Protein backbone atom coordinates (compact mmCIF):
# COMPACT_ATOMS: atom_id res chain seq x y z
CA MET A 1 -24.44 1.56 34.61
CA ALA A 2 -20.52 1.74 34.45
CA TRP A 3 -19.31 2.66 31.03
CA THR A 4 -16.56 -0.08 29.92
CA GLU A 5 -14.61 -1.36 27.07
CA ALA A 6 -18.04 -3.38 26.52
CA SER A 7 -19.63 -0.24 26.03
CA ILE A 8 -17.65 1.06 22.91
CA PRO A 9 -19.71 0.79 19.80
CA ASP A 10 -18.57 -0.71 16.46
CA LEU A 11 -15.87 1.36 14.88
CA THR A 12 -15.91 -0.31 11.35
CA GLY A 13 -14.90 2.29 8.77
CA LYS A 14 -13.48 4.70 11.26
CA VAL A 15 -9.92 5.74 10.95
CA ILE A 16 -8.15 6.94 14.11
CA LEU A 17 -4.63 8.20 15.15
CA VAL A 18 -3.24 7.68 18.65
CA THR A 19 -0.09 9.65 19.67
CA GLY A 20 2.09 7.66 21.89
CA GLY A 21 0.32 4.40 20.78
CA ASN A 22 3.13 2.11 21.58
CA SER A 23 2.86 2.10 25.39
CA GLY A 24 0.72 2.85 28.36
CA LEU A 25 -2.64 4.41 28.00
CA GLY A 26 -1.79 4.88 24.34
CA LEU A 27 -1.22 1.19 23.74
CA GLU A 28 -4.48 0.09 25.63
CA THR A 29 -6.16 2.78 23.62
CA VAL A 30 -5.06 1.27 20.36
CA LYS A 31 -6.08 -2.28 21.28
CA GLN A 32 -9.52 -1.48 22.29
CA LEU A 33 -10.00 0.90 19.20
CA ALA A 34 -8.76 -2.15 16.87
CA LEU A 35 -10.81 -4.62 18.59
CA HIS A 36 -13.93 -2.62 17.98
CA GLY A 37 -13.40 -2.46 14.32
CA ALA A 38 -11.17 0.91 13.53
CA LYS A 39 -8.21 1.25 11.58
CA VAL A 40 -5.62 2.65 13.83
CA TYR A 41 -2.34 4.45 13.38
CA VAL A 42 0.05 4.41 16.09
CA GLY A 43 2.00 7.48 16.14
CA ALA A 44 5.39 6.82 17.53
CA ARG A 45 9.36 7.71 17.07
CA SER A 46 10.49 3.96 17.20
CA GLU A 47 9.42 1.91 14.27
CA SER A 48 10.71 -1.24 16.54
CA ARG A 49 8.86 -0.23 19.40
CA ALA A 50 5.52 0.64 17.52
CA LYS A 51 5.72 -2.75 15.72
CA GLN A 52 6.45 -4.50 18.70
CA ALA A 53 3.37 -3.03 20.35
CA ILE A 54 1.18 -3.82 17.29
CA ASN A 55 2.39 -7.49 17.33
CA GLU A 56 1.62 -7.78 21.16
CA ILE A 57 -1.85 -6.67 20.45
CA LEU A 58 -2.09 -9.27 17.41
CA SER A 59 -0.62 -12.13 19.41
CA GLN A 60 -3.11 -11.51 22.22
CA HIS A 61 -6.04 -10.86 19.81
CA PRO A 62 -5.41 -13.02 16.59
CA SER A 63 -8.95 -11.92 15.60
CA ILE A 64 -7.63 -8.66 14.60
CA PRO A 65 -6.70 -8.13 10.94
CA LYS A 66 -3.05 -7.04 10.70
CA GLU A 67 -3.88 -4.14 8.56
CA ARG A 68 -5.86 -2.64 10.90
CA MET A 69 -3.25 -1.49 13.02
CA GLN A 70 -0.19 0.85 11.35
CA TRP A 71 2.68 2.56 12.32
CA LEU A 72 3.02 6.31 11.55
CA PRO A 73 6.52 7.75 12.19
CA LEU A 74 6.05 10.68 14.70
CA ASP A 75 8.38 12.49 16.48
CA LEU A 76 6.28 15.33 18.55
CA GLU A 77 9.74 17.24 19.64
CA ASN A 78 10.59 17.14 15.87
CA LEU A 79 8.15 19.88 14.45
CA GLN A 80 9.13 19.17 10.91
CA ASN A 81 8.80 15.57 11.45
CA VAL A 82 5.40 16.14 12.90
CA ILE A 83 4.20 18.04 9.66
CA GLU A 84 5.60 14.99 7.61
CA ALA A 85 3.71 12.52 9.59
CA ALA A 86 0.38 14.65 9.10
CA LYS A 87 1.31 14.80 5.38
CA ILE A 88 1.72 11.06 5.13
CA LEU A 89 -1.54 10.31 6.88
CA SER A 90 -3.27 12.69 4.84
CA THR A 91 -1.91 11.48 1.57
CA THR A 92 -2.45 7.80 2.69
CA GLU A 93 -6.25 8.10 4.04
CA SER A 94 -9.12 9.99 2.76
CA ARG A 95 -10.78 10.39 6.13
CA LEU A 96 -9.73 10.77 9.85
CA ASP A 97 -12.42 10.45 12.28
CA VAL A 98 -10.57 10.81 15.53
CA LEU A 99 -7.39 12.17 16.60
CA VAL A 100 -6.25 10.97 20.04
CA ASN A 101 -3.48 13.48 21.43
CA ASN A 102 -2.43 10.81 24.16
CA ALA A 103 1.25 11.09 24.35
CA GLY A 104 3.40 12.90 26.76
CA ILE A 105 6.45 13.23 28.84
CA GLY A 106 7.40 14.53 32.35
CA PRO A 107 11.45 14.89 32.18
CA GLU A 108 13.09 15.48 35.41
CA THR A 109 15.55 17.78 33.96
CA PHE A 110 15.46 21.34 32.13
CA ILE A 111 15.94 20.73 28.58
CA THR A 112 15.16 22.79 25.55
CA THR A 113 13.84 21.54 21.94
CA LYS A 114 15.72 22.36 18.86
CA GLU A 115 13.26 25.62 18.77
CA GLY A 116 14.71 26.69 22.25
CA LEU A 117 11.12 25.70 23.91
CA GLU A 118 11.15 23.97 27.31
CA GLN A 119 10.76 20.26 26.19
CA THR A 120 8.05 19.05 28.55
CA ILE A 121 5.59 21.94 26.84
CA GLY A 122 7.42 21.56 23.64
CA VAL A 123 6.44 17.93 23.31
CA ASN A 124 3.06 17.83 25.33
CA HIS A 125 1.47 21.01 24.05
CA VAL A 126 3.45 22.53 20.70
CA GLY A 127 3.95 19.09 18.98
CA HIS A 128 0.44 18.23 19.35
CA PHE A 129 -0.74 21.86 18.46
CA VAL A 130 1.35 21.39 15.10
CA LEU A 131 -0.08 17.87 14.50
CA THR A 132 -3.74 19.02 15.12
CA LYS A 133 -3.21 21.95 12.74
CA SER A 134 -1.78 20.21 10.12
CA LEU A 135 -4.45 17.38 10.22
CA LEU A 136 -7.24 19.93 10.63
CA PRO A 137 -8.02 19.79 6.66
CA LEU A 138 -8.42 16.00 6.81
CA LEU A 139 -10.73 16.08 9.99
CA LYS A 140 -12.71 18.92 8.54
CA ALA A 141 -13.16 16.83 5.24
CA THR A 142 -14.36 13.94 7.22
CA ALA A 143 -16.86 16.24 9.22
CA LYS A 144 -18.74 16.95 6.01
CA VAL A 145 -19.39 13.64 5.25
CA PRO A 146 -22.95 12.53 6.07
CA GLY A 147 -23.17 10.79 9.42
CA SER A 148 -19.67 11.40 10.54
CA ASP A 149 -18.50 12.09 14.18
CA VAL A 150 -15.21 13.60 14.02
CA ARG A 151 -13.60 14.12 17.58
CA ILE A 152 -10.16 15.65 18.77
CA VAL A 153 -9.06 14.37 22.19
CA THR A 154 -6.22 15.62 24.46
CA VAL A 155 -5.25 13.86 27.35
CA SER A 156 -4.39 16.49 30.14
CA SER A 157 -4.34 16.09 33.85
CA VAL A 158 -5.23 17.43 37.06
CA ALA A 159 -1.67 18.47 37.27
CA GLU A 160 -2.57 21.63 35.58
CA LYS A 161 -2.90 22.92 38.88
CA PHE A 162 0.90 22.72 39.49
CA ALA A 163 1.47 25.29 36.66
CA PRO A 164 3.50 28.34 37.75
CA LYS A 165 1.14 31.19 39.03
CA SER A 166 3.77 33.44 37.30
CA ASN A 167 3.18 31.95 33.94
CA ASN A 168 0.30 33.53 32.23
CA PHE A 169 1.20 32.50 28.58
CA THR A 170 1.45 36.22 27.55
CA SER A 171 4.98 35.72 25.51
CA ILE A 172 6.97 33.28 23.62
CA LYS A 173 9.20 33.25 26.89
CA ASP A 174 6.57 31.50 28.51
CA LEU A 175 6.85 28.49 26.52
CA LYS A 176 10.55 28.40 27.67
CA ASP A 177 9.93 28.88 31.23
CA PRO A 178 12.06 26.32 33.36
CA GLY A 179 9.53 26.25 36.23
CA ALA A 180 12.05 28.22 38.63
CA ALA A 181 13.48 31.40 39.03
CA ASN A 182 17.00 30.24 40.06
CA PRO A 183 19.09 28.05 37.58
CA ASN A 184 20.26 25.78 40.59
CA ASP A 185 16.46 24.75 41.13
CA TYR A 186 15.69 23.81 37.54
CA ALA A 187 16.14 20.12 38.42
CA SER A 188 14.19 20.24 41.70
CA ARG A 189 11.08 18.20 42.05
CA LYS A 190 9.02 21.23 42.16
CA ALA A 191 10.44 22.69 39.13
CA THR A 192 9.41 19.43 37.44
CA PHE A 193 6.14 19.38 38.65
CA LYS A 194 5.67 22.92 37.58
CA ARG A 195 7.04 22.33 34.09
CA TYR A 196 4.79 19.38 33.57
CA GLY A 197 1.55 21.38 35.27
CA ALA A 198 2.29 24.33 32.58
CA SER A 199 2.18 21.49 29.81
CA LYS A 200 -1.02 20.07 31.08
CA LEU A 201 -2.64 23.43 31.74
CA ALA A 202 -1.76 24.37 28.09
CA ASN A 203 -3.41 20.92 26.85
CA ILE A 204 -6.94 22.36 28.47
CA LEU A 205 -6.42 25.90 27.04
CA PHE A 206 -5.72 24.50 23.63
CA THR A 207 -8.67 22.28 23.73
CA LYS A 208 -10.96 25.42 24.72
CA GLU A 209 -9.67 27.68 22.24
CA LEU A 210 -9.69 25.01 19.27
CA GLN A 211 -13.36 24.09 20.05
CA ASN A 212 -14.04 27.94 20.00
CA LYS A 213 -12.51 28.19 16.50
CA LEU A 214 -14.20 25.06 15.08
CA THR A 215 -17.52 26.28 16.36
CA GLN A 216 -16.94 29.71 14.83
CA GLU A 217 -16.13 27.85 11.55
CA ASP A 218 -19.38 25.89 11.91
CA ALA A 219 -17.05 22.57 11.63
CA ASN A 220 -18.77 19.66 13.04
CA ILE A 221 -16.22 18.35 15.12
CA THR A 222 -15.84 17.91 19.04
CA ALA A 223 -12.81 18.59 20.89
CA ILE A 224 -12.57 17.18 24.38
CA THR A 225 -9.70 17.00 26.86
CA LEU A 226 -9.63 14.82 29.99
CA ASP A 227 -7.63 13.61 33.20
CA PRO A 228 -7.23 9.89 32.92
CA GLY A 229 -6.70 9.78 36.90
CA PRO A 230 -3.63 8.37 38.57
CA VAL A 231 -2.31 5.60 36.42
CA SER A 232 0.66 3.70 36.68
CA THR A 233 2.43 4.46 33.43
CA GLU A 234 6.05 5.32 32.45
CA SER A 235 5.35 8.87 31.54
CA GLY A 236 2.84 9.40 34.28
CA MET A 237 5.49 7.99 37.02
CA GLY A 238 8.21 10.19 35.56
CA ILE A 239 7.63 13.19 37.64
CA PHE A 240 7.58 11.28 41.08
CA PRO A 241 10.71 10.36 42.96
CA GLY A 242 12.02 7.07 42.66
CA VAL A 243 11.66 6.31 46.18
CA LEU A 244 7.62 6.88 45.95
CA LYS A 245 7.07 4.71 42.77
CA PRO A 246 6.64 1.24 44.31
CA VAL A 247 4.20 2.81 46.96
CA LEU A 248 2.17 4.72 44.36
CA LYS A 249 2.04 1.78 41.94
CA LEU A 250 -0.23 0.09 44.72
CA VAL A 251 -2.70 2.71 44.81
CA MET A 252 -2.96 3.94 41.04
CA LYS A 253 -5.37 2.73 38.43
CA SER A 254 -4.48 -0.29 36.07
CA VAL A 255 -3.79 0.89 32.51
CA ALA A 256 -7.13 -0.65 31.26
CA LYS A 257 -9.11 1.60 33.71
CA GLY A 258 -6.91 4.57 33.27
CA ALA A 259 -7.64 4.44 29.23
CA LEU A 260 -11.39 4.39 29.78
CA THR A 261 -11.81 8.10 30.01
CA GLN A 262 -10.12 8.86 26.72
CA LEU A 263 -11.75 5.93 24.96
CA PHE A 264 -15.32 7.38 26.09
CA CYS A 265 -14.21 10.63 24.75
CA ALA A 266 -12.97 8.93 21.49
CA THR A 267 -15.81 6.84 20.72
CA ALA A 268 -19.12 6.98 23.34
CA VAL A 269 -22.43 7.30 21.59
CA GLU A 270 -23.42 9.73 24.26
CA VAL A 271 -20.77 12.35 22.76
CA ALA A 272 -22.29 11.61 19.29
CA LYS A 273 -25.98 12.00 20.57
CA ASN A 274 -25.20 15.01 22.26
CA PRO A 275 -21.86 16.83 21.14
CA ASP A 276 -23.04 20.35 22.47
CA ARG A 277 -22.51 18.79 26.14
CA TYR A 278 -18.94 17.73 25.68
CA LYS A 279 -17.44 20.34 23.20
CA GLY A 280 -14.38 22.00 24.97
CA GLN A 281 -15.19 20.11 28.20
CA PHE A 282 -12.85 18.58 30.63
CA LEU A 283 -13.59 15.06 31.88
CA ASN A 284 -11.97 13.13 35.00
CA GLY A 285 -13.89 9.81 34.26
CA PRO A 286 -16.16 8.26 31.66
CA ASP A 287 -19.08 10.73 31.36
CA LYS A 288 -17.86 12.78 34.12
CA ILE A 289 -17.49 16.37 33.13
CA ASP A 290 -15.53 18.39 35.74
CA GLN A 291 -14.43 21.98 35.94
CA PRO A 292 -10.50 22.54 35.89
CA SER A 293 -8.69 25.39 37.65
CA ASP A 294 -9.65 28.96 37.18
CA LYS A 295 -6.62 29.37 35.02
CA ALA A 296 -7.57 26.54 32.70
CA ARG A 297 -11.21 28.12 32.31
CA ASN A 298 -9.88 31.68 31.15
CA ARG A 299 -10.89 32.14 27.34
CA GLU A 300 -8.44 35.13 27.36
CA LEU A 301 -5.56 32.88 28.27
CA ALA A 302 -6.48 30.15 25.97
CA ARG A 303 -6.48 32.90 23.10
CA SER A 304 -3.09 34.02 24.30
CA LEU A 305 -1.66 30.64 24.45
CA TRP A 306 -2.56 30.03 20.78
CA ARG A 307 -1.42 33.35 19.96
CA ILE A 308 2.20 32.84 21.41
CA THR A 309 2.14 29.12 20.10
CA GLU A 310 1.79 30.42 16.62
CA GLU A 311 4.43 33.15 17.22
CA ALA A 312 6.94 30.69 18.52
CA LEU A 313 6.24 28.57 15.39
CA ALA A 314 6.96 31.51 13.07
CA GLU A 315 9.97 32.60 14.80
CA ALA A 316 11.32 28.87 14.31
CA GLY A 317 10.30 28.94 10.61
CA ILE A 318 7.61 26.33 11.09
CA SER A 319 4.78 26.54 8.76
CA THR A 320 1.53 24.78 9.68
CA LEU A 321 -1.79 24.48 7.78
CA PRO A 322 -4.29 26.47 8.01
């Protein structure tokens, strides 16, 4: 029997944060979580866009109490802001049951963050790295509560296979990779795909190493990553040429169907019943565990990525918990 929105269990009492929760897959995820009883924080930069998204859901589903969805100011490119957002959530709530690292960008041009990192990997990987580390104390505290089911879900993509073969995450320089050797090619479609692929590869490697560390610490937390499939969203379409977008929209999944995989990872009773089956895994559909690329399965590469990310943060003077 297919896993659908109707398969989501009662989430009453759970607190969940969804990054990029104001649009696309994030918005659909927020809606379904709230409909099933969870208190959901919408992580987004813009207060107006976040509140517009929340009001849109409330107008469609007036049965949802207003207090069940809250805006959390969160700009994943601004790492100090990310730390502040984690502090706000940690002081406002006594628990965090699920963190959904959903937000993602795919800029067509080569741009660097304030810390000098390539923007795509800076937002998609480093921003979520800082957020997750900063929220680990709250997540771990929740995991100690009897009957808890704590999960960290990170949205990746099969586009990880486009990551540059030359980038092995061995130094901070690899977090600044423009995706092309020639500056004249930095804005090419090929370079755009490579930068996006590198960030999605990082999402998988991050999840692998995160789960490894959590298991070593005996923390009762499940970290999962996934590919939502080809979905017609603003960020998902961003890496494709404009001329292809109308055609691609005809064959891509609806947002509702695309969100099912991350909803499964975040809520499915199957995961709660057999967490060891899902820990550190990559899913490409509800309950469909898949094998990413060889590079994405490389444990040493995962450890190296974690190390250079921490080195990049230290170099930038960014201090995260623990």
